Amino acid sequence: MVQTSRRSAICIRPTVKNIAPKALRLNFYVSVSYDKAMTKPSPQKRSLKTIDYQTLATFRYELRCFLNFSQKAAKKNGLTPQQHQALLAIRSAAANSMTIGELADRLLLRPHSASELTDRLALLGLVERTPSELDRRITSLHLTPKAEDILASLSLAHRDELRRIRPLLTELLGNLD
């Protein structure tokens, strides 16, 4: 990571795109994150009312409740929360597959941690690794039918829970205006 100032950071990471038989083309994307906490808001926006604190506290509480629901649902299906997140990330990717590096990025993990997570999922019969025909260094991750069934069950439960709490979250977010 190249630090340019206290307010912004520029990350340059290679991604593999359109692998040609004779050459591996790398595209770079630049991710710029801006730390809004470092900026000073105008004086009228700096003051918060009791309702603002109550809204933020309630919103965070509801997020924790949803995460607790998610963890319990994953455990009920024999998965850790991180394994559930990995299955969901792989299923939601283009062509229902992704590389270990992409999984690491998606789950905010280091590549070796994502590789270990993938190993555990493969041992459970939930993920298959398929080496690229063009570049053997690249491995695609695919869900097995067993993983698809478990993930479908979990996703239906999560969608229902989000639909249940949507009115409350919408109200809370509206209070922030």
C-alpha atoms as a PDB file:
ATOM      1  CA  MET A   1       0.000   0.000   0.000  1.00  0.00           C
ATOM      2  CA  VAL A   2       1.314   3.442  -0.891  1.00  0.00           C
ATOM      3  CA  GLN A   3       0.416   6.029   1.710  1.00  0.00           C
ATOM      4  CA  THR A   4      -0.017   9.420   0.063  1.00  0.00           C
ATOM      5  CA  SER A   5      -1.297  11.456   2.992  1.00  0.00           C
ATOM      6  CA  ARG A   6      -3.126  11.067   6.249  1.00  0.00           C
ATOM      7  CA  ARG A   7      -6.434  11.319   4.373  1.00  0.00           C
ATOM      8  CA  SER A   8      -6.089   8.963   1.456  1.00  0.00           C
ATOM      9  CA  ALA A   9      -4.420   5.719   0.547  1.00  0.00           C
ATOM     10  CA  ILE A  10      -3.889   4.242  -2.898  1.00  0.00           C
ATOM     11  CA  CYS A  11      -3.768   0.481  -3.322  1.00  0.00           C
ATOM     12  CA  ILE A  12      -2.559  -1.040  -6.566  1.00  0.00           C
ATOM     13  CA  ARG A  13      -3.280  -4.744  -6.944  1.00  0.00           C
ATOM     14  CA  PRO A  14      -2.902  -6.938 -10.003  1.00  0.00           C
ATOM     15  CA  THR A  15      -5.926  -8.872 -11.185  1.00  0.00           C
ATOM     16  CA  VAL A  16      -5.966 -11.560 -13.808  1.00  0.00           C
ATOM     17  CA  LYS A  17      -8.276 -10.777 -16.712  1.00  0.00           C
ATOM     18  CA  ASN A  18      -8.727 -12.379 -20.111  1.00  0.00           C
ATOM     19  CA  ILE A  19      -5.941 -14.916 -19.875  1.00  0.00           C
ATOM     20  CA  ALA A  20      -4.589 -15.408 -23.376  1.00  0.00           C
ATOM     21  CA  PRO A  21      -2.869 -18.700 -24.312  1.00  0.00           C
ATOM     22  CA  LYS A  22       0.446 -17.014 -25.083  1.00  0.00           C
ATOM     23  CA  ALA A  23       0.543 -14.333 -22.442  1.00  0.00           C
ATOM     24  CA  LEU A  24      -0.952 -13.457 -19.132  1.00  0.00           C
ATOM     25  CA  ARG A  25      -2.356  -9.967 -19.212  1.00  0.00           C
ATOM     26  CA  LEU A  26      -2.531  -8.121 -15.966  1.00  0.00           C
ATOM     27  CA  ASN A  27      -4.890  -5.278 -15.418  1.00  0.00           C
ATOM     28  CA  PHE A  28      -4.339  -3.018 -12.501  1.00  0.00           C
ATOM     29  CA  TYR A  29      -7.029  -1.345 -10.623  1.00  0.00           C
ATOM     30  CA  VAL A  30      -6.518   1.488  -8.292  1.00  0.00           C
ATOM     31  CA  SER A  31      -8.539   1.509  -5.179  1.00  0.00           C
ATOM     32  CA  VAL A  32      -8.647   4.813  -3.423  1.00  0.00           C
ATOM     33  CA  SER A  33     -10.096   4.953   0.026  1.00  0.00           C
ATOM     34  CA  TYR A  34     -10.761   8.245   1.681  1.00  0.00           C
ATOM     35  CA  ASP A  35     -10.857   8.513   5.426  1.00  0.00           C
ATOM     36  CA  LYS A  36     -13.800  10.788   6.103  1.00  0.00           C
ATOM     37  CA  ALA A  37     -13.009  10.820   9.794  1.00  0.00           C
ATOM     38  CA  MET A  38      -9.953  12.944   9.005  1.00  0.00           C
ATOM     39  CA  THR A  39     -12.027  15.747   7.496  1.00  0.00           C
ATOM     40  CA  LYS A  40     -13.605  18.391   9.657  1.00  0.00           C
ATOM     41  CA  PRO A  41     -17.334  18.721   9.042  1.00  0.00           C
ATOM     42  CA  SER A  42     -18.983  22.095   9.166  1.00  0.00           C
ATOM     43  CA  PRO A  43     -19.950  23.251  12.700  1.00  0.00           C
ATOM     44  CA  GLN A  44     -23.697  22.678  12.206  1.00  0.00           C
ATOM     45  CA  LYS A  45     -23.085  19.036  11.187  1.00  0.00           C
ATOM     46  CA  ARG A  46     -20.767  18.369  14.132  1.00  0.00           C
ATOM     47  CA  SER A  47     -23.466  18.586  16.754  1.00  0.00           C
ATOM     48  CA  LEU A  48     -25.452  15.448  17.445  1.00  0.00           C
ATOM     49  CA  LYS A  49     -28.738  15.139  19.231  1.00  0.00           C
ATOM     50  CA  THR A  50     -29.838  12.377  21.576  1.00  0.00           C
ATOM     51  CA  ILE A  51     -31.957  10.874  18.779  1.00  0.00           C
ATOM     52  CA  ASP A  52     -28.813  10.567  16.619  1.00  0.00           C
ATOM     53  CA  TYR A  53     -27.026   8.572  19.322  1.00  0.00           C
ATOM     54  CA  GLN A  54     -30.117   6.446  19.903  1.00  0.00           C
ATOM     55  CA  THR A  55     -30.448   5.760  16.189  1.00  0.00           C
ATOM     56  CA  LEU A  56     -26.792   4.785  15.815  1.00  0.00           C
ATOM     57  CA  ALA A  57     -26.922   2.575  18.908  1.00  0.00           C
ATOM     58  CA  THR A  58     -30.114   0.853  17.761  1.00  0.00           C
ATOM     59  CA  PHE A  59     -28.748   0.356  14.249  1.00  0.00           C
ATOM     60  CA  ARG A  60     -25.558  -1.236  15.614  1.00  0.00           C
ATOM     61  CA  TYR A  61     -27.655  -3.403  17.927  1.00  0.00           C
ATOM     62  CA  GLU A  62     -29.774  -4.639  15.016  1.00  0.00           C
ATOM     63  CA  LEU A  63     -26.627  -5.399  13.002  1.00  0.00           C
ATOM     64  CA  ARG A  64     -25.264  -7.447  15.923  1.00  0.00           C
ATOM     65  CA  CYS A  65     -28.599  -9.274  16.181  1.00  0.00           C
ATOM     66  CA  PHE A  66     -28.485 -10.113  12.479  1.00  0.00           C
ATOM     67  CA  LEU A  67     -24.880 -11.319  12.748  1.00  0.00           C
ATOM     68  CA  ASN A  68     -25.853 -13.441  15.758  1.00  0.00           C
ATOM     69  CA  PHE A  69     -28.737 -14.909  13.737  1.00  0.00           C
ATOM     70  CA  SER A  70     -26.322 -15.615  10.876  1.00  0.00           C
ATOM     71  CA  GLN A  71     -23.768 -17.321  13.126  1.00  0.00           C
ATOM     72  CA  LYS A  72     -26.408 -19.548  14.696  1.00  0.00           C
ATOM     73  CA  ALA A  73     -27.839 -20.467  11.297  1.00  0.00           C
ATOM     74  CA  ALA A  74     -24.379 -21.387   9.991  1.00  0.00           C
ATOM     75  CA  LYS A  75     -23.601 -23.499  13.059  1.00  0.00           C
ATOM     76  CA  LYS A  76     -26.963 -25.244  12.759  1.00  0.00           C
ATOM     77  CA  ASN A  77     -25.886 -26.299   9.253  1.00  0.00           C
ATOM     78  CA  GLY A  78     -22.459 -27.493  10.418  1.00  0.00           C
ATOM     79  CA  LEU A  79     -20.507 -24.471   9.201  1.00  0.00           C
ATOM     80  CA  THR A  80     -18.529 -21.715  10.815  1.00  0.00           C
ATOM     81  CA  PRO A  81     -19.647 -18.178   9.953  1.00  0.00           C
ATOM     82  CA  GLN A  82     -16.480 -17.721   7.877  1.00  0.00           C
ATOM     83  CA  GLN A  83     -17.168 -20.905   5.914  1.00  0.00           C
ATOM     84  CA  HIS A  84     -20.697 -19.669   5.216  1.00  0.00           C
ATOM     85  CA  GLN A  85     -19.307 -16.323   4.015  1.00  0.00           C
ATOM     86  CA  ALA A  86     -16.846 -18.120   1.750  1.00  0.00           C
ATOM     87  CA  LEU A  87     -19.582 -20.253   0.174  1.00  0.00           C
ATOM     88  CA  LEU A  88     -21.722 -17.175  -0.372  1.00  0.00           C
ATOM     89  CA  ALA A  89     -18.812 -15.255  -1.915  1.00  0.00           C
ATOM     90  CA  ILE A  90     -18.003 -18.095  -4.319  1.00  0.00           C
ATOM     91  CA  ARG A  91     -21.651 -18.561  -5.310  1.00  0.00           C
ATOM     92  CA  SER A  92     -22.165 -14.849  -5.898  1.00  0.00           C
ATOM     93  CA  ALA A  93     -19.076 -14.523  -8.115  1.00  0.00           C
ATOM     94  CA  ALA A  94     -19.240 -14.438 -11.885  1.00  0.00           C
ATOM     95  CA  ALA A  95     -19.708 -17.953 -13.277  1.00  0.00           C
ATOM     96  CA  ASN A  96     -20.084 -19.189  -9.678  1.00  0.00           C
ATOM     97  CA  SER A  97     -16.315 -19.478  -9.287  1.00  0.00           C
ATOM     98  CA  MET A  98     -13.441 -17.417  -8.011  1.00  0.00           C
ATOM     99  CA  THR A  99      -9.751 -17.710  -7.264  1.00  0.00           C
ATOM    100  CA  ILE A 100      -8.285 -17.973  -3.793  1.00  0.00           C
ATOM    101  CA  GLY A 101      -6.912 -14.441  -4.156  1.00  0.00           C
ATOM    102  CA  GLU A 102     -10.361 -13.116  -4.992  1.00  0.00           C
ATOM    103  CA  LEU A 103     -11.828 -15.002  -2.033  1.00  0.00           C
ATOM    104  CA  ALA A 104      -9.158 -13.509   0.220  1.00  0.00           C
ATOM    105  CA  ASP A 105     -10.057 -10.013  -1.000  1.00  0.00           C
ATOM    106  CA  ARG A 106     -13.771 -10.625  -0.557  1.00  0.00           C
ATOM    107  CA  LEU A 107     -13.410 -11.953   3.000  1.00  0.00           C
ATOM    108  CA  LEU A 108     -10.675  -9.472   3.966  1.00  0.00           C
ATOM    109  CA  LEU A 109      -8.194 -12.285   4.576  1.00  0.00           C
ATOM    110  CA  ARG A 110      -4.592 -12.909   3.624  1.00  0.00           C
ATOM    111  CA  PRO A 111      -4.231 -15.342   0.709  1.00  0.00           C
ATOM    112  CA  HIS A 112      -2.714 -18.103   2.860  1.00  0.00           C
ATOM    113  CA  SER A 113      -5.662 -17.850   5.285  1.00  0.00           C
ATOM    114  CA  ALA A 114      -8.114 -18.100   2.377  1.00  0.00           C
ATOM    115  CA  SER A 115      -6.192 -21.133   1.109  1.00  0.00           C
ATOM    116  CA  GLU A 116      -6.468 -22.830   4.520  1.00  0.00           C
ATOM    117  CA  LEU A 117     -10.188 -22.006   4.638  1.00  0.00           C
ATOM    118  CA  THR A 118     -10.555 -23.519   1.163  1.00  0.00           C
ATOM    119  CA  ASP A 119      -8.706 -26.653   2.317  1.00  0.00           C
ATOM    120  CA  ARG A 120     -11.192 -27.090   5.179  1.00  0.00           C
ATOM    121  CA  LEU A 121     -14.151 -26.576   2.826  1.00  0.00           C
ATOM    122  CA  ALA A 122     -12.709 -29.132   0.401  1.00  0.00           C
ATOM    123  CA  LEU A 123     -12.314 -31.657   3.242  1.00  0.00           C
ATOM    124  CA  LEU A 124     -15.992 -31.160   4.064  1.00  0.00           C
ATOM    125  CA  GLY A 125     -16.859 -31.843   0.429  1.00  0.00           C
ATOM    126  CA  LEU A 126     -18.182 -28.313  -0.132  1.00  0.00           C
ATOM    127  CA  VAL A 127     -15.632 -26.840  -2.540  1.00  0.00           C
ATOM    128  CA  GLU A 128     -13.733 -28.194  -5.515  1.00  0.00           C
ATOM    129  CA  ARG A 129     -10.497 -26.711  -6.816  1.00  0.00           C
ATOM    130  CA  THR A 130     -10.002 -26.667 -10.567  1.00  0.00           C
ATOM    131  CA  PRO A 131      -6.586 -25.675 -11.944  1.00  0.00           C
ATOM    132  CA  SER A 132      -6.627 -23.310 -14.907  1.00  0.00           C
ATOM    133  CA  GLU A 133      -5.784 -24.930 -18.212  1.00  0.00           C
ATOM    134  CA  LEU A 134      -3.919 -21.807 -19.277  1.00  0.00           C
ATOM    135  CA  ASP A 135      -1.987 -21.059 -16.090  1.00  0.00           C
ATOM    136  CA  ARG A 136      -1.467 -23.815 -13.516  1.00  0.00           C
ATOM    137  CA  ARG A 137      -0.737 -21.202 -10.817  1.00  0.00           C
ATOM    138  CA  ILE A 138      -4.382 -20.189 -10.879  1.00  0.00           C
ATOM    139  CA  THR A 139      -6.996 -22.360  -9.217  1.00  0.00           C
ATOM    140  CA  SER A 140     -10.735 -21.764  -9.554  1.00  0.00           C
ATOM    141  CA  LEU A 141     -13.021 -22.581  -6.644  1.00  0.00           C
ATOM    142  CA  HIS A 142     -16.441 -24.098  -7.324  1.00  0.00           C
ATOM    143  CA  LEU A 143     -19.219 -25.189  -4.980  1.00  0.00           C
ATOM    144  CA  THR A 144     -20.251 -28.817  -4.868  1.00  0.00           C
ATOM    145  CA  PRO A 145     -23.941 -29.798  -5.048  1.00  0.00           C
ATOM    146  CA  LYS A 146     -23.807 -30.421  -1.273  1.00  0.00           C
ATOM    147  CA  ALA A 147     -22.597 -26.854  -0.721  1.00  0.00           C
ATOM    148  CA  GLU A 148     -25.256 -25.496  -3.093  1.00  0.00           C
ATOM    149  CA  ASP A 149     -27.991 -27.193  -1.019  1.00  0.00           C
ATOM    150  CA  ILE A 150     -26.642 -25.921   2.309  1.00  0.00           C
ATOM    151  CA  LEU A 151     -26.137 -22.424   0.934  1.00  0.00           C
ATOM    152  CA  ALA A 152     -29.630 -22.304  -0.564  1.00  0.00           C
ATOM    153  CA  SER A 153     -31.138 -23.192   2.807  1.00  0.00           C
ATOM    154  CA  LEU A 154     -29.026 -20.604   4.627  1.00  0.00           C
ATOM    155  CA  SER A 155     -29.684 -17.911   2.025  1.00  0.00           C
ATOM    156  CA  LEU A 156     -33.448 -18.388   2.199  1.00  0.00           C
ATOM    157  CA  ALA A 157     -33.340 -18.003   5.978  1.00  0.00           C
ATOM    158  CA  HIS A 158     -31.136 -14.910   5.708  1.00  0.00           C
ATOM    159  CA  ARG A 159     -33.365 -13.334   3.069  1.00  0.00           C
ATOM    160  CA  ASP A 160     -36.415 -13.914   5.285  1.00  0.00           C
ATOM    161  CA  GLU A 161     -34.649 -12.390   8.293  1.00  0.00           C
ATOM    162  CA  LEU A 162     -33.577  -9.326   6.283  1.00  0.00           C
ATOM    163  CA  ARG A 163     -37.126  -8.895   5.013  1.00  0.00           C
ATOM    164  CA  ARG A 164     -38.339  -9.094   8.616  1.00  0.00           C
ATOM    165  CA  ILE A 165     -36.001  -6.339   9.847  1.00  0.00           C
ATOM    166  CA  ARG A 166     -36.148  -4.186   6.680  1.00  0.00           C
ATOM    167  CA  PRO A 167     -38.849  -1.797   7.993  1.00  0.00           C
ATOM    168  CA  LEU A 168     -36.865  -1.118  11.164  1.00  0.00           C
ATOM    169  CA  LEU A 169     -33.587  -0.604   9.298  1.00  0.00           C
ATOM    170  CA  THR A 170     -35.296   1.671   6.779  1.00  0.00           C
ATOM    171  CA  GLU A 171     -36.746   3.744   9.613  1.00  0.00           C
ATOM    172  CA  LEU A 172     -33.395   3.957  11.376  1.00  0.00           C
ATOM    173  CA  LEU A 173     -31.562   4.985   8.224  1.00  0.00           C
ATOM    174  CA  GLY A 174     -34.247   7.604   7.584  1.00  0.00           C
ATOM    175  CA  ASN A 175     -33.570   9.074  11.023  1.00  0.00           C
ATOM    176  CA  LEU A 176     -30.012   9.901   9.948  1.00  0.00           C
ATOM    177  CA  ASP A 177     -31.098  12.515   7.409  1.00  0.00           C
END
